[in-house]
Amino acid sequence: MRKLVVWAAVVLAASVPQPAAASPAGPACAGLAGLRIPASVLSLPTSGGVVTAASSVPGDYCRVDADLFPVDPAAPAIKLRVALPRAWNHKALMFGGGGYDGTIPDLTANVPFGPADRPAPLARGYATFASDSGHQQNPARPPSLDGSFGLNDEALKNFAAGDALKKTRDASLFLIRRAYAATPTEVFFAGGSTGGREALVVAQRWPSAFDGVISAYPAWNNLAELLDLGYLTQVLSRPGAFPDPAKQTLLYDSVIKACDGLDGVTDKVVSNPGGCRFDPRALRCPGGTDTGPACLSDAQIGAVTAMSSPFRWPYRIASGETRYPGFPFLSGADMRTPFLGFGTTAPADPMPVTSGYGMQYWDQWVKYFLTRDPGHSALDVDPRHPGRWLARISALSAVQDRNDADLRPFARAGGKLILLHGAADELVSPYSTSDYYERVRAVAGPRATDAFLRYYVVPGANHANFGTPAFAAGWDSLSALERWVDTGRAPVHPVVADLAHPRTRPLCAYPEWPRYRGGDPDSAASFRCVR
């Protein structure tokens, strides 16, 4: 970790009683149970915390659970967990969450789009940690789709503004120092989706808190996307507008047929979605009325077009956002992952659990963030004309979309950022992440940006390798980040593997994409990165 941060951490560690040096899987682990976490070791307001459990886990690590208490007695605690390996590499890694969070991520897991042939961070010797972001998931709701915590201001800020991230980081490092009587030399962050947004939040709000960050498919402009999802929810709920699973399959297969070979090889992976000019009107039913699974009605073509088009709103909001760029044609219609895209049933009131993930996410946001009325129908709020809800939308935008793309303080502190997105993401638009990257370059300048940031779009990859994507991305981004932080050597010609098939592709730095140049189509060496 950078010298100033290390010095401050050492001073802090010296200011509290230190245990005798011992393996965290032995007495030092059990000795952590009941330990108080002083509010003074956290940079944001809490009422302190306490270790609720500490025990050795088969696999040579100690698991420590703790609660961080809120300032508002009505707010839930932040529940965090730290995994302390016996063979520690003197580094630490924080995991981000997903959706509305509400559960603690698996500390034994790999980083997003991680490789199959390398150990996960904990198995490499990292002390890993994470939290539920300050609220607990209602088990009656689908995982990561419980927004009821939004009724409480402190809980909402912990999640939406990212306050729980810094509180978790500070408390976890306190526990790591107590367990090992030493301070981590480097601290990394890795997350995807909401966790990808959280990765960008920590890089921006606390530029010296993490030495390196992996942000995958980040929902960075969360409220802007919500407005688009709200609009799509209304469109798909219209009579006859929802394309059923058979029509979604028709659409996906038609897009692949039209655009698959544009990169020089037919492999069911569209390497350059920006070059795909598919027109859904080619699938129009005779007369525009629904005549069965072999075509799309005019209403369904309108819904598909809405999903793949930018959404703009005709009013100002505090974040300054004015649009969301829409989704690639090959994302929401991929019926191998219907839950993340259109879903299998149309949105309605009450919102079916078989509707798309984004529609359910919007439903929870309307009920608990916007109106704070659990009985309010999500279909009654029009993102284009929100009426009396405009002021609340604007206020929430200042909390949820506070990323202004100025990462210069993070860069000056020596931080490195690897940014990843799947080109066929059906839940968070890759176009949005490309927009974020261009904003960073506009603020910092191209040369300065290249010194601390690499951005890769993975052809065929979807959201979090959910279901059976066309290309299940796997790359050892953590080792690449380590080298960059430790030696200053940025990733050079990285190769991404398909975890579901024996094939590889070059991982091209945006805006480049891989074009086939001959040879074995399953080998990255047979492709070159082009613009």
Protein backbone atom coordinates (compact mmCIF):
# COMPACT_ATOMS: atom_id res chain seq x y z
CA MET A 1 0.00 0.00 0.00
CA ARG A 2 1.17 3.54 -0.57
CA LYS A 3 3.53 4.87 2.10
CA LEU A 4 1.21 7.45 3.66
CA VAL A 5 -1.60 4.92 4.03
CA VAL A 6 0.78 2.32 5.50
CA TRP A 7 2.18 4.84 7.97
CA ALA A 8 -1.30 5.84 9.12
CA ALA A 9 -2.36 2.20 9.45
CA VAL A 10 0.74 1.32 11.46
CA VAL A 11 0.12 4.23 13.83
CA LEU A 12 -3.50 3.14 14.23
CA ALA A 13 -2.50 -0.49 14.82
CA ALA A 14 -0.01 0.62 17.45
CA SER A 15 -2.70 2.59 19.27
CA VAL A 16 -4.74 -0.50 20.19
CA PRO A 17 -3.64 -3.54 22.18
CA GLN A 18 -1.96 -6.10 19.93
CA PRO A 19 -2.36 -9.86 20.43
CA ALA A 20 0.58 -12.18 20.49
CA ALA A 21 1.58 -13.24 17.00
CA ALA A 22 -0.28 -16.43 16.13
CA SER A 23 -1.89 -18.21 13.23
CA PRO A 24 -5.41 -16.83 12.54
CA ALA A 25 -6.59 -20.44 12.30
CA GLY A 26 -5.39 -21.00 15.90
CA PRO A 27 -5.85 -19.08 19.14
CA ALA A 28 -5.83 -15.64 17.48
CA CYS A 29 -8.96 -16.62 15.57
CA ALA A 30 -10.97 -17.66 18.62
CA GLY A 31 -9.61 -14.65 20.48
CA LEU A 32 -11.34 -12.29 18.06
CA ALA A 33 -14.83 -13.34 19.16
CA GLY A 34 -16.54 -10.55 21.03
CA LEU A 35 -13.92 -7.96 20.06
CA ARG A 36 -15.28 -4.43 19.98
CA ILE A 37 -14.68 -2.37 16.84
CA PRO A 38 -14.28 1.27 17.96
CA ALA A 39 -16.19 3.87 15.97
CA SER A 40 -12.94 5.84 15.90
CA VAL A 41 -11.31 3.40 13.49
CA LEU A 42 -13.96 4.14 10.84
CA SER A 43 -13.82 7.33 8.78
CA LEU A 44 -17.63 7.54 8.42
CA PRO A 45 -20.15 7.79 11.27
CA THR A 46 -21.25 4.57 13.00
CA SER A 47 -21.88 3.49 16.56
CA GLY A 48 -18.93 1.11 16.42
CA GLY A 49 -19.25 -2.62 16.06
CA VAL A 50 -18.56 -6.03 17.49
CA VAL A 51 -17.28 -9.39 16.28
CA THR A 52 -20.24 -11.75 16.58
CA ALA A 53 -18.38 -14.95 15.68
CA ALA A 54 -14.90 -16.20 14.87
CA SER A 55 -14.09 -19.78 13.99
CA SER A 56 -11.68 -21.91 12.01
CA VAL A 57 -13.07 -23.29 8.77
CA PRO A 58 -11.76 -26.41 7.02
CA GLY A 59 -9.50 -25.14 4.29
CA ASP A 60 -7.04 -23.36 6.56
CA TYR A 61 -8.73 -20.04 7.17
CA CYS A 62 -10.51 -18.23 9.95
CA ARG A 63 -13.97 -16.77 9.37
CA VAL A 64 -14.83 -13.65 11.31
CA ASP A 65 -18.34 -12.20 11.36
CA ALA A 66 -19.09 -8.75 12.71
CA ASP A 67 -21.86 -6.17 12.97
CA LEU A 68 -21.31 -2.44 12.47
CA PHE A 69 -23.98 -0.49 14.30
CA PRO A 70 -25.80 2.44 12.68
CA VAL A 71 -26.15 5.99 13.95
CA ASP A 72 -29.93 5.82 13.42
CA PRO A 73 -31.29 3.18 15.85
CA ALA A 74 -33.98 2.32 13.29
CA ALA A 75 -31.43 1.44 10.59
CA PRO A 76 -30.15 -2.12 10.20
CA ALA A 77 -26.57 -3.01 11.07
CA ILE A 78 -23.93 -3.62 8.43
CA LYS A 79 -23.06 -7.30 8.57
CA LEU A 80 -19.54 -8.02 7.37
CA ARG A 81 -17.32 -11.05 7.11
CA VAL A 82 -13.55 -11.47 6.90
CA ALA A 83 -11.70 -14.62 5.80
CA LEU A 84 -8.17 -14.88 7.23
CA PRO A 85 -5.97 -17.51 5.56
CA ARG A 86 -3.32 -19.35 7.60
CA ALA A 87 -0.79 -18.79 4.79
CA TRP A 88 -1.33 -15.04 4.34
CA ASN A 89 0.30 -13.25 1.40
CA HIS A 90 0.09 -9.91 3.28
CA LYS A 91 -2.55 -8.61 0.88
CA ALA A 92 -6.30 -8.07 1.20
CA LEU A 93 -9.20 -8.01 -1.26
CA MET A 94 -12.74 -6.71 -0.82
CA PHE A 95 -15.61 -8.15 -2.83
CA GLY A 96 -18.54 -6.07 -4.07
CA GLY A 97 -22.13 -7.25 -4.08
CA GLY A 98 -24.91 -7.56 -6.65
CA GLY A 99 -28.40 -6.21 -7.31
CA TYR A 100 -29.78 -4.67 -4.13
CA ASP A 101 -27.15 -6.58 -2.12
CA GLY A 102 -28.54 -7.76 1.24
CA THR A 103 -26.27 -10.81 1.60
CA ILE A 104 -22.55 -11.18 2.19
CA PRO A 105 -20.71 -12.34 -0.95
CA ASP A 106 -18.87 -15.66 -0.92
CA LEU A 107 -15.36 -14.88 0.31
CA THR A 108 -13.99 -18.09 -1.23
CA ALA A 109 -15.18 -17.11 -4.73
CA ASN A 110 -13.18 -15.77 -7.64
CA VAL A 111 -13.22 -12.25 -9.04
CA PRO A 112 -15.83 -11.46 -11.75
CA PHE A 113 -14.95 -13.11 -15.07
CA GLY A 114 -12.19 -14.92 -13.17
CA PRO A 115 -10.17 -17.82 -14.64
CA ALA A 116 -10.83 -21.51 -14.13
CA ASP A 117 -7.16 -22.46 -14.00
CA ARG A 118 -6.04 -20.22 -11.13
CA PRO A 119 -6.98 -20.28 -7.44
CA ALA A 120 -9.47 -17.78 -6.09
CA PRO A 121 -8.05 -14.88 -4.03
CA LEU A 122 -8.51 -16.55 -0.63
CA ALA A 123 -6.76 -19.70 -1.89
CA ARG A 124 -3.91 -17.49 -3.11
CA GLY A 125 -3.42 -16.19 0.41
CA TYR A 126 -5.46 -13.00 0.29
CA ALA A 127 -7.39 -11.94 3.35
CA THR A 128 -10.81 -11.41 1.79
CA PHE A 129 -13.73 -9.42 3.14
CA ALA A 130 -17.17 -8.07 2.20
CA SER A 131 -20.49 -6.99 3.68
CA ASP A 132 -24.20 -7.02 2.93
CA SER A 133 -23.94 -3.25 2.26
CA GLY A 134 -25.99 -2.40 5.34
CA HIS A 135 -29.22 -4.40 5.16
CA GLN A 136 -30.42 -7.98 5.12
CA GLN A 137 -32.26 -9.63 2.24
CA ASN A 138 -35.85 -10.71 2.84
CA PRO A 139 -35.71 -14.47 2.12
CA ALA A 140 -39.21 -14.28 0.65
CA ARG A 141 -37.89 -12.16 -2.21
CA PRO A 142 -35.76 -13.42 -5.11
CA PRO A 143 -32.03 -13.06 -4.30
CA SER A 144 -30.69 -9.49 -4.65
CA LEU A 145 -34.17 -8.15 -5.46
CA ASP A 146 -35.29 -6.83 -2.09
CA GLY A 147 -35.33 -3.03 -1.99
CA SER A 148 -37.35 -2.64 1.22
CA PHE A 149 -34.36 -1.20 3.10
CA GLY A 150 -34.82 1.97 1.02
CA LEU A 151 -37.44 3.13 3.52
CA ASN A 152 -34.59 4.09 5.88
CA ASP A 153 -32.31 7.00 4.92
CA GLU A 154 -29.14 5.63 6.52
CA ALA A 155 -29.62 2.19 4.97
CA LEU A 156 -30.31 3.77 1.59
CA LYS A 157 -27.15 5.88 1.80
CA ASN A 158 -25.08 2.90 2.90
CA PHE A 159 -26.13 1.08 -0.26
CA ALA A 160 -26.77 3.73 -2.88
CA ALA A 161 -24.01 6.21 -2.01
CA GLY A 162 -21.57 3.47 -1.05
CA ASP A 163 -21.04 4.52 2.58
CA ALA A 164 -21.11 0.87 3.69
CA LEU A 165 -18.12 0.18 1.45
CA LYS A 166 -15.75 2.46 3.35
CA LYS A 167 -17.15 1.42 6.73
CA THR A 168 -16.62 -2.24 5.81
CA ARG A 169 -13.13 -1.56 4.53
CA ASP A 170 -12.05 0.30 7.65
CA ALA A 171 -13.49 -2.26 10.06
CA SER A 172 -12.10 -5.21 8.10
CA LEU A 173 -8.59 -3.78 8.03
CA PHE A 174 -8.84 -3.23 11.78
CA LEU A 175 -9.67 -6.91 12.20
CA ILE A 176 -6.93 -8.02 9.82
CA ARG A 177 -4.36 -6.02 11.78
CA ARG A 178 -5.58 -7.53 15.03
CA ALA A 179 -5.41 -11.06 13.63
CA TYR A 180 -1.97 -10.83 12.06
CA ALA A 181 -0.37 -7.99 14.05
CA ALA A 182 0.51 -6.56 10.65
CA THR A 183 -0.94 -4.25 8.03
CA PRO A 184 -1.70 -5.44 4.47
CA THR A 185 0.87 -4.23 1.96
CA GLU A 186 -1.83 -3.89 -0.70
CA VAL A 187 -5.60 -3.77 -0.69
CA PHE A 188 -7.68 -4.53 -3.80
CA PHE A 189 -11.38 -4.36 -4.67
CA ALA A 190 -13.25 -6.58 -7.14
CA GLY A 191 -16.92 -6.50 -8.06
CA GLY A 192 -19.41 -6.93 -10.87
CA SER A 193 -22.79 -5.32 -11.65
CA THR A 194 -23.72 -3.46 -8.45
CA GLY A 195 -20.30 -4.58 -7.26
CA GLY A 196 -18.80 -3.04 -10.39
CA ARG A 197 -20.51 0.23 -9.54
CA GLU A 198 -19.18 -0.10 -6.00
CA ALA A 199 -15.68 -0.60 -7.41
CA LEU A 200 -15.91 2.72 -9.24
CA VAL A 201 -17.41 4.41 -6.17
CA VAL A 202 -14.44 3.45 -3.96
CA ALA A 203 -11.95 4.56 -6.60
CA GLN A 204 -13.61 7.93 -6.82
CA ARG A 205 -14.76 8.71 -3.28
CA TRP A 206 -11.75 7.25 -1.43
CA PRO A 207 -8.89 7.33 -3.95
CA SER A 208 -6.23 6.17 -1.48
CA ALA A 209 -8.25 3.36 0.09
CA PHE A 210 -7.47 0.70 -2.55
CA ASP A 211 -4.32 0.07 -4.56
CA GLY A 212 -6.10 -1.68 -7.40
CA VAL A 213 -9.68 -2.15 -8.54
CA ILE A 214 -11.43 -4.63 -10.84
CA SER A 215 -14.80 -3.33 -12.04
CA ALA A 216 -16.86 -5.69 -14.17
CA TYR A 217 -20.13 -4.87 -15.99
CA PRO A 218 -20.68 -1.91 -13.63
CA ALA A 219 -24.14 -0.43 -13.07
CA TRP A 220 -22.37 2.88 -12.48
CA ASN A 221 -25.23 5.19 -13.50
CA ASN A 222 -27.77 3.24 -11.50
CA LEU A 223 -30.62 5.74 -11.55
CA ALA A 224 -30.19 6.53 -15.24
CA GLU A 225 -30.54 2.84 -16.02
CA LEU A 226 -33.52 2.58 -13.69
CA LEU A 227 -35.35 5.26 -15.68
CA ASP A 228 -34.74 3.27 -18.85
CA LEU A 229 -35.85 0.06 -17.16
CA GLY A 230 -38.98 1.82 -15.95
CA TYR A 231 -39.76 2.94 -19.48
CA LEU A 232 -39.17 -0.58 -20.83
CA THR A 233 -41.41 -1.98 -18.08
CA GLN A 234 -44.24 0.20 -19.31
CA VAL A 235 -43.59 -0.66 -22.96
CA LEU A 236 -43.51 -4.42 -22.32
CA SER A 237 -46.69 -4.26 -20.24
CA ARG A 238 -48.73 -2.90 -23.15
CA PRO A 239 -51.24 -5.33 -24.72
CA GLY A 240 -49.50 -7.59 -27.23
CA ALA A 241 -46.08 -5.94 -26.83
CA PHE A 242 -44.29 -8.66 -24.85
CA PRO A 243 -42.36 -11.13 -27.06
CA ASP A 244 -42.84 -14.57 -25.54
CA PRO A 245 -39.90 -17.00 -25.18
CA ALA A 246 -40.36 -18.46 -28.66
CA LYS A 247 -40.26 -14.99 -30.22
CA GLN A 248 -37.23 -14.05 -28.12
CA THR A 249 -35.44 -17.12 -29.46
CA LEU A 250 -36.46 -16.14 -33.01
CA LEU A 251 -35.03 -12.68 -32.49
CA TYR A 252 -31.75 -13.90 -31.02
CA ASP A 253 -31.22 -16.54 -33.71
CA SER A 254 -31.97 -13.95 -36.41
CA VAL A 255 -29.44 -11.48 -35.00
CA ILE A 256 -26.76 -14.19 -34.81
CA LYS A 257 -27.50 -15.28 -38.38
CA ALA A 258 -27.23 -11.71 -39.66
CA CYS A 259 -24.13 -10.62 -37.73
CA ASP A 260 -22.13 -13.66 -36.61
CA GLY A 261 -19.81 -13.84 -39.62
CA LEU A 262 -18.95 -10.14 -39.76
CA ASP A 263 -15.73 -10.78 -37.81
CA GLY A 264 -14.54 -13.35 -40.35
CA VAL A 265 -15.64 -16.55 -38.64
CA THR A 266 -18.99 -18.20 -37.89
CA ASP A 267 -18.89 -19.21 -34.23
CA LYS A 268 -22.09 -17.75 -32.71
CA VAL A 269 -20.08 -14.86 -31.25
CA VAL A 270 -20.63 -11.36 -32.59
CA SER A 271 -17.27 -9.71 -32.03
CA ASN A 272 -18.29 -6.22 -33.10
CA PRO A 273 -21.87 -5.50 -31.99
CA GLY A 274 -21.46 -1.89 -33.14
CA GLY A 275 -21.18 -3.19 -36.70
CA CYS A 276 -24.34 -5.28 -36.44
CA ARG A 277 -27.09 -3.49 -38.39
CA PHE A 278 -29.94 -5.92 -37.81
CA ASP A 279 -33.42 -4.46 -38.34
CA PRO A 280 -36.18 -6.24 -36.35
CA ARG A 281 -38.70 -5.17 -38.97
CA ALA A 282 -37.30 -8.02 -41.06
CA LEU A 283 -39.27 -10.31 -38.74
CA ARG A 284 -42.58 -8.44 -39.11
CA CYS A 285 -45.73 -10.55 -39.24
CA PRO A 286 -47.93 -10.01 -42.29
CA GLY A 287 -50.08 -6.98 -41.59
CA GLY A 288 -48.23 -6.33 -38.32
CA THR A 289 -50.56 -8.49 -36.24
CA ASP A 290 -49.35 -11.43 -34.14
CA THR A 291 -49.71 -14.61 -36.19
CA GLY A 292 -47.48 -16.95 -34.16
CA PRO A 293 -43.90 -17.74 -33.13
CA ALA A 294 -42.34 -17.25 -36.58
CA CYS A 295 -42.67 -13.45 -36.64
CA LEU A 296 -43.02 -10.28 -34.56
CA SER A 297 -46.06 -8.03 -34.41
CA ASP A 298 -45.74 -4.27 -34.72
CA ALA A 299 -46.17 -3.93 -30.96
CA GLN A 300 -43.38 -6.45 -30.32
CA ILE A 301 -41.09 -4.76 -32.85
CA GLY A 302 -41.74 -1.52 -30.97
CA ALA A 303 -40.73 -3.14 -27.68
CA VAL A 304 -37.56 -4.64 -29.15
CA THR A 305 -36.65 -1.31 -30.72
CA ALA A 306 -37.22 0.49 -27.42
CA MET A 307 -34.89 -1.90 -25.65
CA SER A 308 -32.10 -1.34 -28.17
CA SER A 309 -32.50 2.44 -28.44
CA PRO A 310 -31.18 5.24 -26.23
CA PHE A 311 -33.68 6.50 -23.66
CA ARG A 312 -33.78 10.22 -22.95
CA TRP A 313 -35.87 12.13 -20.44
CA PRO A 314 -37.02 15.72 -21.00
CA TYR A 315 -36.12 17.15 -17.58
CA ARG A 316 -33.08 18.00 -15.48
CA ILE A 317 -31.92 15.85 -12.58
CA ALA A 318 -29.23 16.63 -10.02
CA SER A 319 -26.72 14.09 -11.34
CA GLY A 320 -26.68 15.80 -14.73
CA GLU A 321 -27.49 12.56 -16.54
CA THR A 322 -29.77 12.98 -19.57
CA ARG A 323 -29.92 9.52 -21.16
CA TYR A 324 -29.25 5.78 -21.02
CA PRO A 325 -27.79 4.28 -24.20
CA GLY A 326 -29.95 1.16 -24.57
CA PHE A 327 -28.93 -2.47 -25.06
CA PRO A 328 -27.42 -4.48 -27.93
CA PHE A 329 -29.92 -6.52 -29.93
CA LEU A 330 -28.23 -9.72 -28.87
CA SER A 331 -28.60 -9.14 -25.17
CA GLY A 332 -32.18 -9.10 -23.87
CA ALA A 333 -33.43 -11.56 -26.45
CA ASP A 334 -30.98 -14.34 -25.55
CA MET A 335 -33.34 -16.98 -24.18
CA ARG A 336 -30.47 -18.82 -22.54
CA THR A 337 -30.72 -16.13 -19.84
CA PRO A 338 -34.39 -15.03 -19.95
CA PHE A 339 -34.48 -13.93 -16.30
CA LEU A 340 -31.96 -11.16 -16.93
CA GLY A 341 -33.44 -9.95 -20.20
CA PHE A 342 -37.12 -9.79 -21.10
CA GLY A 343 -38.14 -12.51 -18.66
CA THR A 344 -40.74 -15.10 -19.60
CA THR A 345 -43.87 -13.11 -18.74
CA ALA A 346 -44.90 -9.53 -19.27
CA PRO A 347 -44.56 -6.94 -16.46
CA ALA A 348 -47.77 -6.40 -14.48
CA ASP A 349 -49.06 -5.24 -11.11
CA PRO A 350 -48.15 -7.01 -8.90
CA MET A 351 -44.82 -7.62 -10.65
CA PRO A 352 -44.38 -11.33 -11.54
CA VAL A 353 -41.16 -13.01 -10.42
CA THR A 354 -41.00 -14.40 -13.96
CA SER A 355 -40.67 -10.95 -15.48
CA GLY A 356 -37.18 -9.69 -16.34
CA TYR A 357 -34.73 -8.90 -13.55
CA GLY A 358 -34.63 -5.25 -14.56
CA MET A 359 -38.40 -4.91 -14.36
CA GLN A 360 -38.42 -6.38 -10.85
CA TYR A 361 -35.55 -4.07 -9.89
CA TRP A 362 -37.59 -1.07 -11.08
CA ASP A 363 -40.63 -2.30 -9.15
CA GLN A 364 -38.67 -2.42 -5.89
CA TRP A 365 -37.12 1.00 -6.52
CA VAL A 366 -40.51 2.63 -7.11
CA LYS A 367 -42.01 1.08 -3.98
CA TYR A 368 -39.16 1.68 -1.54
CA PHE A 369 -36.78 4.33 -2.93
CA LEU A 370 -39.06 6.66 -4.88
CA THR A 371 -42.56 6.62 -3.39
CA ARG A 372 -41.72 4.76 -0.17
CA ASP A 373 -45.12 3.18 -0.49
CA PRO A 374 -44.96 -0.64 -0.76
CA GLY A 375 -48.44 -0.62 -2.28
CA HIS A 376 -47.57 1.76 -5.11
CA SER A 377 -47.70 0.23 -8.59
CA ALA A 378 -44.49 0.55 -10.55
CA LEU A 379 -46.58 0.87 -13.71
CA ASP A 380 -48.07 4.13 -12.41
CA VAL A 381 -44.76 6.02 -12.60
CA ASP A 382 -43.84 7.22 -16.09
CA PRO A 383 -40.09 7.96 -16.27
CA ARG A 384 -40.75 10.33 -19.19
CA HIS A 385 -43.29 12.40 -17.24
CA PRO A 386 -42.83 11.69 -13.52
CA GLY A 387 -44.98 14.61 -12.35
CA ARG A 388 -44.88 14.95 -8.57
CA TRP A 389 -42.04 12.42 -8.34
CA LEU A 390 -39.55 14.56 -10.28
CA ALA A 391 -38.00 16.21 -7.21
CA ARG A 392 -37.50 12.84 -5.53
CA ILE A 393 -35.98 11.35 -8.70
CA SER A 394 -33.56 14.27 -8.85
CA ALA A 395 -32.59 13.89 -5.19
CA LEU A 396 -32.00 10.14 -5.59
CA SER A 397 -29.90 10.75 -8.69
CA ALA A 398 -27.43 12.75 -6.59
CA VAL A 399 -27.02 9.69 -4.36
CA GLN A 400 -27.16 6.83 -6.86
CA ASP A 401 -25.33 8.44 -9.81
CA ARG A 402 -22.59 10.33 -8.02
CA ASN A 403 -19.82 8.98 -10.27
CA ASP A 404 -18.52 12.03 -12.14
CA ALA A 405 -15.76 10.06 -13.93
CA ASP A 406 -12.97 12.16 -12.40
CA LEU A 407 -10.50 9.46 -11.36
CA ARG A 408 -7.46 11.73 -11.37
CA PRO A 409 -7.08 11.59 -7.56
CA PHE A 410 -7.12 7.77 -7.76
CA ALA A 411 -4.48 7.89 -10.48
CA ARG A 412 -2.32 10.36 -8.54
CA ALA A 413 -2.47 8.03 -5.54
CA GLY A 414 -1.04 5.25 -7.71
CA GLY A 415 -4.26 3.30 -8.17
CA LYS A 416 -4.83 0.98 -11.13
CA LEU A 417 -8.22 0.06 -12.58
CA ILE A 418 -9.23 -2.83 -14.83
CA LEU A 419 -12.68 -2.34 -16.38
CA LEU A 420 -14.53 -5.24 -18.06
CA HIS A 421 -17.88 -5.70 -19.77
CA GLY A 422 -19.52 -8.40 -21.86
CA ALA A 423 -20.68 -7.27 -25.29
CA ALA A 424 -23.92 -9.26 -24.95
CA ASP A 425 -24.84 -8.10 -21.44
CA GLU A 426 -28.61 -8.26 -21.01
CA LEU A 427 -28.87 -6.39 -17.68
CA VAL A 428 -26.31 -3.56 -17.72
CA SER A 429 -25.59 -2.06 -21.12
CA PRO A 430 -21.98 -2.32 -22.33
CA TYR A 431 -22.63 0.93 -24.18
CA SER A 432 -23.01 2.59 -20.78
CA THR A 433 -19.60 1.41 -19.61
CA SER A 434 -18.06 2.59 -22.87
CA ASP A 435 -19.65 5.96 -22.22
CA TYR A 436 -18.11 6.02 -18.73
CA TYR A 437 -14.69 5.17 -20.15
CA GLU A 438 -14.92 7.98 -22.68
CA ARG A 439 -15.86 10.38 -19.89
CA VAL A 440 -12.80 9.36 -17.88
CA ARG A 441 -10.58 9.96 -20.92
CA ALA A 442 -12.22 13.34 -21.52
CA VAL A 443 -11.45 14.43 -17.95
CA ALA A 444 -7.99 12.94 -17.46
CA GLY A 445 -6.76 12.90 -21.05
CA PRO A 446 -5.93 9.82 -23.17
CA ARG A 447 -2.30 9.43 -22.08
CA ALA A 448 -3.01 9.89 -18.38
CA THR A 449 -5.95 7.48 -18.60
CA ASP A 450 -3.81 4.80 -20.24
CA ALA A 451 -1.39 5.05 -17.33
CA PHE A 452 -3.93 3.76 -14.80
CA LEU A 453 -6.95 2.28 -16.66
CA ARG A 454 -7.56 -0.58 -19.08
CA TYR A 455 -11.03 -1.26 -20.49
CA TYR A 456 -11.97 -4.49 -22.28
CA VAL A 457 -15.25 -5.50 -23.94
CA VAL A 458 -15.57 -9.30 -24.18
CA PRO A 459 -17.43 -10.49 -27.33
CA GLY A 460 -20.24 -12.95 -26.62
CA ALA A 461 -20.04 -12.54 -22.85
CA ASN A 462 -23.23 -11.73 -20.98
CA HIS A 463 -23.93 -10.50 -17.45
CA ALA A 464 -21.79 -12.37 -14.91
CA ASN A 465 -21.57 -15.49 -17.13
CA PHE A 466 -25.19 -16.15 -16.12
CA GLY A 467 -26.85 -19.19 -17.66
CA THR A 468 -25.14 -20.39 -20.83
CA PRO A 469 -23.65 -17.35 -22.58
CA ALA A 470 -22.21 -17.53 -26.08
CA PHE A 471 -18.79 -16.94 -24.51
CA ALA A 472 -18.26 -17.56 -20.79
CA ALA A 473 -15.39 -15.19 -20.07
CA GLY A 474 -12.48 -16.23 -17.87
CA TRP A 475 -9.33 -14.12 -17.42
CA ASP A 476 -6.80 -13.81 -14.61
CA SER A 477 -7.38 -10.11 -14.08
CA LEU A 478 -6.15 -10.31 -10.49
CA SER A 479 -2.65 -11.40 -11.50
CA ALA A 480 -2.64 -8.71 -14.18
CA LEU A 481 -3.64 -6.12 -11.60
CA GLU A 482 -1.01 -7.33 -9.15
CA ARG A 483 1.75 -6.98 -11.74
CA TRP A 484 0.53 -3.52 -12.70
CA VAL A 485 0.45 -2.31 -9.09
CA ASP A 486 3.71 -4.02 -8.05
CA THR A 487 5.89 -3.39 -11.11
CA GLY A 488 4.11 -0.73 -13.16
CA ARG A 489 3.67 -3.17 -16.07
CA ALA A 490 0.20 -2.74 -17.57
CA PRO A 491 -1.55 -5.75 -19.16
CA VAL A 492 -0.12 -6.51 -22.61
CA HIS A 493 -1.99 -8.65 -25.17
CA PRO A 494 -4.18 -10.45 -22.60
CA VAL A 495 -6.07 -13.57 -23.65
CA VAL A 496 -9.54 -14.49 -22.39
CA ALA A 497 -10.74 -18.11 -22.27
CA ASP A 498 -14.23 -19.46 -22.82
CA LEU A 499 -14.96 -21.40 -19.65
CA ALA A 500 -17.62 -23.48 -21.42
CA HIS A 501 -15.66 -24.36 -24.58
CA PRO A 502 -11.99 -25.09 -25.35
CA ARG A 503 -11.29 -21.77 -27.08
CA THR A 504 -9.60 -18.44 -26.43
CA ARG A 505 -9.79 -14.92 -27.82
CA PRO A 506 -7.57 -11.88 -27.55
CA LEU A 507 -8.87 -9.44 -24.96
CA CYS A 508 -8.87 -6.25 -26.98
CA ALA A 509 -8.56 -2.85 -25.36
CA TYR A 510 -11.62 -0.74 -26.21
CA PRO A 511 -12.52 0.35 -28.86
CA GLU A 512 -10.74 -2.52 -30.59
CA TRP A 513 -12.37 -5.91 -31.21
CA PRO A 514 -11.02 -9.30 -32.40
CA ARG A 515 -11.15 -10.02 -36.15
CA TYR A 516 -10.37 -13.51 -37.46
CA ARG A 517 -7.27 -13.63 -39.69
CA GLY A 518 -7.03 -17.34 -40.39
CA GLY A 519 -5.93 -20.49 -38.61
CA ASP A 520 -7.55 -22.35 -35.75
CA PRO A 521 -10.77 -20.43 -34.92
CA ASP A 522 -10.54 -21.64 -31.32
CA SER A 523 -7.15 -20.00 -30.77
CA ALA A 524 -6.61 -16.37 -29.80
CA ALA A 525 -3.54 -16.36 -32.07
CA SER A 526 -5.88 -16.58 -35.07
CA PHE A 527 -7.38 -13.16 -34.31
CA ARG A 528 -6.05 -9.62 -34.28
CA CYS A 529 -7.44 -6.59 -32.52
CA VAL A 530 -8.83 -4.01 -34.94
CA ARG A 531 -10.98 -0.87 -34.85
